[in-house]
PDB file of N, CA and C in Angstrom:
ATOM      1  N   MET A   1     174.961 100.501 126.624  1.00  0.00           N
ATOM      2  CA  MET A   1     175.578  99.248 126.221  1.00  0.00           C
ATOM      3  C   MET A   1     174.512  98.165 126.135  1.00  0.00           C
ATOM      4  N   GLN A   2     174.466  97.505 125.023  1.00  0.00           N
ATOM      5  CA  GLN A   2     173.568  96.375 124.854  1.00  0.00           C
ATOM      6  C   GLN A   2     174.143  95.153 125.565  1.00  0.00           C
ATOM      7  N   CYS A   3     173.282  94.387 126.206  1.00  0.00           N
ATOM      8  CA  CYS A   3     173.739  93.138 126.807  1.00  0.00           C
ATOM      9  C   CYS A   3     172.583  92.126 126.699  1.00  0.00           C
ATOM     10  N   ALA A   4     172.938  90.879 126.872  1.00  0.00           N
ATOM     11  CA  ALA A   4     171.937  89.789 126.862  1.00  0.00           C
ATOM     12  C   ALA A   4     171.935  89.154 128.238  1.00  0.00           C
ATOM     13  N   ILE A   5     170.761  88.764 128.708  1.00  0.00           N
ATOM     14  CA  ILE A   5     170.599  88.151 130.012  1.00  0.00           C
ATOM     15  C   ILE A   5     170.063  86.747 129.854  1.00  0.00           C
ATOM     16  N   TYR A   6     170.712  85.847 130.598  1.00  0.00           N
ATOM     17  CA  TYR A   6     170.370  84.418 130.525  1.00  0.00           C
ATOM     18  C   TYR A   6     170.070  83.891 131.952  1.00  0.00           C
ATOM     19  N   LYS A   7     169.189  82.944 132.022  1.00  0.00           N
ATOM     20  CA  LYS A   7     168.812  82.314 133.288  1.00  0.00           C
ATOM     21  C   LYS A   7     169.468  80.927 133.353  1.00  0.00           C
ATOM     22  N   SER A   8     169.847  80.565 134.561  1.00  0.00           N
ATOM     23  CA  SER A   8     170.444  79.243 134.758  1.00  0.00           C
ATOM     24  C   SER A   8     169.346  78.212 134.942  1.00  0.00           C
ATOM     25  N   PRO A   9     169.455  77.061 134.234  1.00  0.00           N
ATOM     26  CA  PRO A   9     168.503  75.975 134.463  1.00  0.00           C
ATOM     27  C   PRO A   9     168.853  75.145 135.716  1.00  0.00           C
ATOM     28  N   LYS A  10     170.070  75.346 136.236  1.00  0.00           N
ATOM     29  CA  LYS A  10     170.534  74.553 137.378  1.00  0.00           C
ATOM     30  C   LYS A  10     170.393  75.283 138.722  1.00  0.00           C
ATOM     31  N   LYS A  11     170.567  76.613 138.687  1.00  0.00           N
ATOM     32  CA  LYS A  11     170.612  77.382 139.924  1.00  0.00           C
ATOM     33  C   LYS A  11     169.473  78.411 139.917  1.00  0.00           C
ATOM     34  N   GLN A  12     168.543  78.262 140.854  1.00  0.00           N
ATOM     35  CA  GLN A  12     167.411  79.154 140.930  1.00  0.00           C
ATOM     36  C   GLN A  12     167.850  80.604 141.166  1.00  0.00           C
ATOM     37  N   ASP A  13     167.204  81.548 140.539  1.00  0.00           N
ATOM     38  CA  ASP A  13     167.478  82.982 140.662  1.00  0.00           C
ATOM     39  C   ASP A  13     168.912  83.376 140.349  1.00  0.00           C
ATOM     40  N   THR A  14     169.544  82.663 139.414  1.00  0.00           N
ATOM     41  CA  THR A  14     170.895  82.954 138.993  1.00  0.00           C
ATOM     42  C   THR A  14     170.866  83.357 137.511  1.00  0.00           C
ATOM     43  N   TYR A  15     171.433  84.510 137.258  1.00  0.00           N
ATOM     44  CA  TYR A  15     171.380  85.098 135.898  1.00  0.00           C
ATOM     45  C   TYR A  15     172.770  85.490 135.433  1.00  0.00           C
ATOM     46  N   LEU A  16     172.959  85.418 134.150  1.00  0.00           N
ATOM     47  CA  LEU A  16     174.233  85.780 133.536  1.00  0.00           C
ATOM     48  C   LEU A  16     173.992  86.905 132.533  1.00  0.00           C
ATOM     49  N   TYR A  17     174.729  87.985 132.681  1.00  0.00           N
ATOM     50  CA  TYR A  17     174.686  89.120 131.741  1.00  0.00           C
ATOM     51  C   TYR A  17     175.963  88.947 130.877  1.00  0.00           C
ATOM     52  N   ILE A  18     175.792  89.019 129.574  1.00  0.00           N
ATOM     53  CA  ILE A  18     176.966  88.966 128.687  1.00  0.00           C
ATOM     54  C   ILE A  18     176.887  90.155 127.696  1.00  0.00           C
ATOM     55  N   ALA A  19     178.056  90.606 127.296  1.00  0.00           N
ATOM     56  CA  ALA A  19     178.154  91.776 126.414  1.00  0.00           C
ATOM     57  C   ALA A  19     177.681  91.495 125.016  1.00  0.00           C
ATOM     58  N   THR A  20     177.901  90.301 124.517  1.00  0.00           N
ATOM     59  CA  THR A  20     177.499  89.930 123.175  1.00  0.00           C
ATOM     60  C   THR A  20     176.593  88.707 123.207  1.00  0.00           C
ATOM     61  N   LYS A  21     175.404  88.836 122.681  1.00  0.00           N
ATOM     62  CA  LYS A  21     174.427  87.748 122.732  1.00  0.00           C
ATOM     63  C   LYS A  21     174.987  86.449 122.174  1.00  0.00           C
ATOM     64  N   ASP A  22     174.783  85.385 122.904  1.00  0.00           N
ATOM     65  CA  ASP A  22     175.173  84.023 122.535  1.00  0.00           C
ATOM     66  C   ASP A  22     176.684  83.824 122.409  1.00  0.00           C
ATOM     67  N   ASP A  23     177.493  84.763 122.919  1.00  0.00           N
ATOM     68  CA  ASP A  23     178.942  84.587 122.899  1.00  0.00           C
ATOM     69  C   ASP A  23     179.431  84.313 124.309  1.00  0.00           C
ATOM     70  N   PHE A  24     179.607  83.027 124.622  1.00  0.00           N
ATOM     71  CA  PHE A  24     180.005  82.605 125.947  1.00  0.00           C
ATOM     72  C   PHE A  24     181.532  82.325 126.027  1.00  0.00           C
ATOM     73  N   SER A  25     182.266  82.753 125.023  1.00  0.00           N
ATOM     74  CA  SER A  25     183.692  82.442 124.969  1.00  0.00           C
ATOM     75  C   SER A  25     184.510  83.074 126.087  1.00  0.00           C
ATOM     76  N   ALA A  26     184.063  84.152 126.704  1.00  0.00           N
ATOM     77  CA  ALA A  26     184.806  84.813 127.773  1.00  0.00           C
ATOM     78  C   ALA A  26     184.586  84.146 129.130  1.00  0.00           C
ATOM     79  N   LEU A  27     183.590  83.277 129.228  1.00  0.00           N
ATOM     80  CA  LEU A  27     183.248  82.674 130.505  1.00  0.00           C
ATOM     81  C   LEU A  27     184.191  81.503 130.839  1.00  0.00           C
ATOM     82  N   PRO A  28     184.647  81.444 132.105  1.00  0.00           N
ATOM     83  CA  PRO A  28     185.450  80.294 132.509  1.00  0.00           C
ATOM     84  C   PRO A  28     184.639  78.996 132.415  1.00  0.00           C
ATOM     85  N   ASP A  29     185.271  77.907 132.044  1.00  0.00           N
ATOM     86  CA  ASP A  29     184.579  76.614 131.898  1.00  0.00           C
ATOM     87  C   ASP A  29     183.870  76.190 133.204  1.00  0.00           C
ATOM     88  N   PRO A  30     184.520  76.341 134.379  1.00  0.00           N
ATOM     89  CA  PRO A  30     183.823  75.947 135.614  1.00  0.00           C
ATOM     90  C   PRO A  30     182.540  76.718 135.841  1.00  0.00           C
ATOM     91  N   LEU A  31     182.515  78.004 135.464  1.00  0.00           N
ATOM     92  CA  LEU A  31     181.300  78.800 135.615  1.00  0.00           C
ATOM     93  C   LEU A  31     180.215  78.256 134.699  1.00  0.00           C
ATOM     94  N   LEU A  32     180.518  77.978 133.464  1.00  0.00           N
ATOM     95  CA  LEU A  32     179.525  77.416 132.541  1.00  0.00           C
ATOM     96  C   LEU A  32     179.028  76.060 133.032  1.00  0.00           C
ATOM     97  N   ALA A  33     179.920  75.258 133.600  1.00  0.00           N
ATOM     98  CA  ALA A  33     179.478  73.934 134.100  1.00  0.00           C
ATOM     99  C   ALA A  33     178.515  74.123 135.273  1.00  0.00           C
ATOM    100  N   MET A  34     178.787  75.054 136.179  1.00  0.00           N
ATOM    101  CA  MET A  34     177.917  75.304 137.303  1.00  0.00           C
ATOM    102  C   MET A  34     176.595  75.883 136.850  1.00  0.00           C
ATOM    103  N   PHE A  35     176.660  76.800 135.885  1.00  0.00           N
ATOM    104  CA  PHE A  35     175.474  77.537 135.427  1.00  0.00           C
ATOM    105  C   PHE A  35     174.529  76.654 134.630  1.00  0.00           C
ATOM    106  N   GLY A  36     175.068  75.743 133.840  1.00  0.00           N
ATOM    107  CA  GLY A  36     174.250  74.900 132.959  1.00  0.00           C
ATOM    108  C   GLY A  36     174.053  75.607 131.611  1.00  0.00           C
ATOM    109  N   THR A  37     173.221  75.025 130.761  1.00  0.00           N
ATOM    110  CA  THR A  37     172.973  75.599 129.456  1.00  0.00           C
ATOM    111  C   THR A  37     172.165  76.875 129.603  1.00  0.00           C
ATOM    112  N   PRO A  38     172.727  78.031 129.266  1.00  0.00           N
ATOM    113  CA  PRO A  38     172.016  79.321 129.487  1.00  0.00           C
ATOM    114  C   PRO A  38     170.728  79.401 128.662  1.00  0.00           C
ATOM    115  N   ALA A  39     169.674  79.871 129.320  1.00  0.00           N
ATOM    116  CA  ALA A  39     168.388  80.091 128.646  1.00  0.00           C
ATOM    117  C   ALA A  39     168.177  81.617 128.496  1.00  0.00           C
ATOM    118  N   HIS A  40     168.129  82.080 127.240  1.00  0.00           N
ATOM    119  CA  HIS A  40     167.988  83.510 126.997  1.00  0.00           C
ATOM    120  C   HIS A  40     166.678  84.048 127.580  1.00  0.00           C
ATOM    121  N   VAL A  41     166.795  85.134 128.356  1.00  0.00           N
ATOM    122  CA  VAL A  41     165.629  85.756 128.963  1.00  0.00           C
ATOM    123  C   VAL A  41     165.250  87.060 128.227  1.00  0.00           C
ATOM    124  N   MET A  42     166.269  87.889 128.027  1.00  0.00           N
ATOM    125  CA  MET A  42     165.998  89.182 127.387  1.00  0.00           C
ATOM    126  C   MET A  42     167.281  89.882 126.989  1.00  0.00           C
ATOM    127  N   ASP A  43     167.135  90.865 126.099  1.00  0.00           N
ATOM    128  CA  ASP A  43     168.202  91.793 125.758  1.00  0.00           C
ATOM    129  C   ASP A  43     167.887  93.109 126.456  1.00  0.00           C
ATOM    130  N   LEU A  44     168.930  93.823 126.866  1.00  0.00           N
ATOM    131  CA  LEU A  44     168.740  95.039 127.648  1.00  0.00           C
ATOM    132  C   LEU A  44     169.728  96.088 127.220  1.00  0.00           C
ATOM    133  N   ASP A  45     169.233  97.306 127.069  1.00  0.00           N
ATOM    134  CA  ASP A  45     170.104  98.474 126.825  1.00  0.00           C
ATOM    135  C   ASP A  45     170.477  98.999 128.213  1.00  0.00           C
ATOM    136  N   LEU A  46     171.691  98.726 128.650  1.00  0.00           N
ATOM    137  CA  LEU A  46     172.137  99.073 129.986  1.00  0.00           C
ATOM    138  C   LEU A  46     172.978 100.357 129.942  1.00  0.00           C
ATOM    139  N   HIS A  47     172.589 101.300 130.788  1.00  0.00           N
ATOM    140  CA  HIS A  47     173.301 102.573 130.884  1.00  0.00           C
ATOM    141  C   HIS A  47     173.294 103.011 132.332  1.00  0.00           C
ATOM    142  N   PRO A  48     174.176 103.919 132.742  1.00  0.00           N
ATOM    143  CA  PRO A  48     174.333 104.284 134.135  1.00  0.00           C
ATOM    144  C   PRO A  48     173.044 104.742 134.833  1.00  0.00           C
ATOM    145  N   GLN A  49     172.094 105.338 134.086  1.00  0.00           N
ATOM    146  CA  GLN A  49     170.869 105.815 134.695  1.00  0.00           C
ATOM    147  C   GLN A  49     169.800 104.715 134.883  1.00  0.00           C
ATOM    148  N   ARG A  50     169.990 103.577 134.244  1.00  0.00           N
ATOM    149  CA  ARG A  50     169.039 102.485 134.358  1.00  0.00           C
ATOM    150  C   ARG A  50     169.202 101.802 135.729  1.00  0.00           C
ATOM    151  N   ARG A  51     168.079 101.623 136.404  1.00  0.00           N
ATOM    152  CA  ARG A  51     168.099 100.923 137.657  1.00  0.00           C
ATOM    153  C   ARG A  51     167.784  99.433 137.445  1.00  0.00           C
ATOM    154  N   LEU A  52     168.533  98.598 138.139  1.00  0.00           N
ATOM    155  CA  LEU A  52     168.280  97.170 138.114  1.00  0.00           C
ATOM    156  C   LEU A  52     167.724  96.764 139.478  1.00  0.00           C
ATOM    157  N   ALA A  53     166.815  95.794 139.465  1.00  0.00           N
ATOM    158  CA  ALA A  53     166.130  95.406 140.696  1.00  0.00           C
ATOM    159  C   ALA A  53     167.109  94.789 141.745  1.00  0.00           C
ATOM    160  N   GLN A  54     168.051  93.968 141.293  1.00  0.00           N
ATOM    161  CA  GLN A  54     168.848  93.230 142.224  1.00  0.00           C
ATOM    162  C   GLN A  54     170.364  93.536 142.157  1.00  0.00           C
ATOM    163  N   GLU A  55     170.779  94.281 141.166  1.00  0.00           N
ATOM    164  CA  GLU A  55     172.226  94.501 140.981  1.00  0.00           C
ATOM    165  C   GLU A  55     172.536  95.993 140.889  1.00  0.00           C
ATOM    166  N   ASP A  56     173.789  96.311 141.162  1.00  0.00           N
ATOM    167  CA  ASP A  56     174.306  97.662 141.012  1.00  0.00           C
ATOM    168  C   ASP A  56     174.683  97.865 139.558  1.00  0.00           C
ATOM    169  N   THR A  57     173.998  98.784 138.898  1.00  0.00           N
ATOM    170  CA  THR A  57     174.206  98.996 137.456  1.00  0.00           C
ATOM    171  C   THR A  57     175.658  99.282 137.128  1.00  0.00           C
ATOM    172  N   ALA A  58     176.307 100.131 137.915  1.00  0.00           N
ATOM    173  CA  ALA A  58     177.703 100.497 137.659  1.00  0.00           C
ATOM    174  C   ALA A  58     178.601  99.241 137.724  1.00  0.00           C
ATOM    175  N   GLU A  59     178.339  98.351 138.649  1.00  0.00           N
ATOM    176  CA  GLU A  59     179.147  97.140 138.782  1.00  0.00           C
ATOM    177  C   GLU A  59     178.933  96.225 137.578  1.00  0.00           C
ATOM    178  N   VAL A  60     177.682  96.066 137.164  1.00  0.00           N
ATOM    179  CA  VAL A  60     177.367  95.235 135.994  1.00  0.00           C
ATOM    180  C   VAL A  60     178.073  95.807 134.767  1.00  0.00           C
ATOM    181  N   LEU A  61     177.960  97.107 134.542  1.00  0.00           N
ATOM    182  CA  LEU A  61     178.619  97.717 133.382  1.00  0.00           C
ATOM    183  C   LEU A  61     180.108  97.542 133.449  1.00  0.00           C
ATOM    184  N   HIS A  62     180.712  97.702 134.625  1.00  0.00           N
ATOM    185  CA  HIS A  62     182.151  97.536 134.776  1.00  0.00           C
ATOM    186  C   HIS A  62     182.546  96.119 134.401  1.00  0.00           C
ATOM    187  N   ASN A  63     181.826  95.119 134.946  1.00  0.00           N
ATOM    188  CA  ASN A  63     182.138  93.711 134.649  1.00  0.00           C
ATOM    189  C   ASN A  63     181.967  93.355 133.185  1.00  0.00           C
ATOM    190  N   LEU A  64     180.946  93.921 132.549  1.00  0.00           N
ATOM    191  CA  LEU A  64     180.730  93.650 131.129  1.00  0.00           C
ATOM    192  C   LEU A  64     181.870  94.245 130.282  1.00  0.00           C
ATOM    193  N   ARG A  65     182.332  95.452 130.649  1.00  0.00           N
ATOM    194  CA  ARG A  65     183.423  96.054 129.918  1.00  0.00           C
ATOM    195  C   ARG A  65     184.766  95.384 130.148  1.00  0.00           C
ATOM    196  N   GLU A  66     185.007  94.987 131.389  1.00  0.00           N
ATOM    197  CA  GLU A  66     186.312  94.426 131.759  1.00  0.00           C
ATOM    198  C   GLU A  66     186.475  92.953 131.370  1.00  0.00           C
ATOM    199  N   ARG A  67     185.436  92.144 131.582  1.00  0.00           N
ATOM    200  CA  ARG A  67     185.568  90.704 131.329  1.00  0.00           C
ATOM    201  C   ARG A  67     184.512  90.129 130.395  1.00  0.00           C
ATOM    202  N   GLY A  68     183.496  90.949 130.001  1.00  0.00           N
ATOM    203  CA  GLY A  68     182.494  90.487 129.060  1.00  0.00           C
ATOM    204  C   GLY A  68     181.307  89.796 129.648  1.00  0.00           C
ATOM    205  N   TRP A  69     181.241  89.662 130.994  1.00  0.00           N
ATOM    206  CA  TRP A  69     180.135  88.996 131.646  1.00  0.00           C
ATOM    207  C   TRP A  69     179.981  89.432 133.090  1.00  0.00           C
ATOM    208  N   HIS A  70     178.765  89.197 133.637  1.00  0.00           N
ATOM    209  CA  HIS A  70     178.462  89.484 135.028  1.00  0.00           C
ATOM    210  C   HIS A  70     177.516  88.392 135.499  1.00  0.00           C
ATOM    211  N   LEU A  71     177.780  87.845 136.690  1.00  0.00           N
ATOM    212  CA  LEU A  71     176.950  86.802 137.261  1.00  0.00           C
ATOM    213  C   LEU A  71     176.100  87.387 138.386  1.00  0.00           C
ATOM    214  N   GLN A  72     174.792  87.200 138.303  1.00  0.00           N
ATOM    215  CA  GLN A  72     173.866  87.618 139.357  1.00  0.00           C
ATOM    216  C   GLN A  72     173.417  86.407 140.097  1.00  0.00           C
ATOM    217  N   MET A  73     173.791  86.361 141.405  1.00  0.00           N
ATOM    218  CA  MET A  73     173.438  85.245 142.272  1.00  0.00           C
ATOM    219  C   MET A  73     172.239  85.626 143.128  1.00  0.00           C
ATOM    220  N   PRO A  74     171.529  84.613 143.698  1.00  0.00           N
ATOM    221  CA  PRO A  74     170.385  84.948 144.563  1.00  0.00           C
ATOM    222  C   PRO A  74     170.871  85.740 145.777  1.00  0.00           C
ATOM    223  N   ARG A  75     169.997  86.622 146.257  1.00  0.00           N
ATOM    224  CA  ARG A  75     170.284  87.371 147.447  1.00  0.00           C
ATOM    225  C   ARG A  75     170.349  86.423 148.655  1.00  0.00           C
ATOM    226  N   ARG A  76     171.198  86.765 149.599  1.00  0.00           N
ATOM    227  CA  ARG A  76     171.358  85.924 150.782  1.00  0.00           C
ATOM    228  C   ARG A  76     170.929  86.687 152.044  1.00  0.00           C
ATOM    229  N   ASP A  77     169.904  87.516 151.948  1.00  0.00           N
ATOM    230  CA  ASP A  77     169.434  88.260 153.079  1.00  0.00           C
ATOM    231  C   ASP A  77     169.010  87.352 154.233  1.00  0.00           C
ATOM    232  N   ASP A  78     168.558  86.140 153.896  1.00  0.00           N
ATOM    233  CA  ASP A  78     168.117  85.218 154.910  1.00  0.00           C
ATOM    234  C   ASP A  78     169.227  84.770 155.854  1.00  0.00           C
ATOM    235  N   LEU A  79     170.485  84.973 155.500  1.00  0.00           N
ATOM    236  CA  LEU A  79     171.603  84.614 156.373  1.00  0.00           C
ATOM    237  C   LEU A  79     171.582  85.433 157.647  1.00  0.00           C
ATOM    238  N   PHE A  80     170.993  86.623 157.576  1.00  0.00           N
ATOM    239  CA  PHE A  80     171.010  87.510 158.719  1.00  0.00           C
ATOM    240  C   PHE A  80     169.690  87.485 159.501  1.00  0.00           C
ATOM    241  N   MET A  81     168.794  86.645 159.070  1.00  0.00           N
ATOM    242  CA  MET A  81     167.499  86.528 159.751  1.00  0.00           C
ATOM    243  C   MET A  81     167.587  85.354 160.780  1.00  0.00           C
ATOM    244  N   PRO A  82     167.047  85.558 161.954  1.00  0.00           N
ATOM    245  CA  PRO A  82     167.041  84.469 162.936  1.00  0.00           C
ATOM    246  C   PRO A  82     166.153  83.326 162.466  1.00  0.00           C
ATOM    247  N   HIS A  83     166.622  82.107 162.696  1.00  0.00           N
ATOM    248  CA  HIS A  83     165.865  80.922 162.297  1.00  0.00           C
ATOM    249  C   HIS A  83     165.076  80.396 163.483  1.00  0.00           C
ATOM    250  N   HIS A  84     163.868  80.013 163.275  1.00  0.00           N
ATOM    251  CA  HIS A  84     163.048  79.452 164.397  1.00  0.00           C
ATOM    252  C   HIS A  84     162.924  77.953 164.279  1.00  0.00           C
TER     253      HIS A  84
END
């Protein structure tokens, strides 16, 4: 499945995968407002055997098929680390 990936200018390390390049019609308005004007990063041929660095490929594919988009948020591993 072809998809397009966009970076948020407002939220660091936040990416949006969409099924059709430059078609943001499936996204809820509050999500677009939070995300900001999407900046195209790359197009990707996504298939079950492709590994993604931060996301579960099966989940991304499911979201793209079901709703036309997937939001990748920054990892929150630091929540479990003790603070000094």
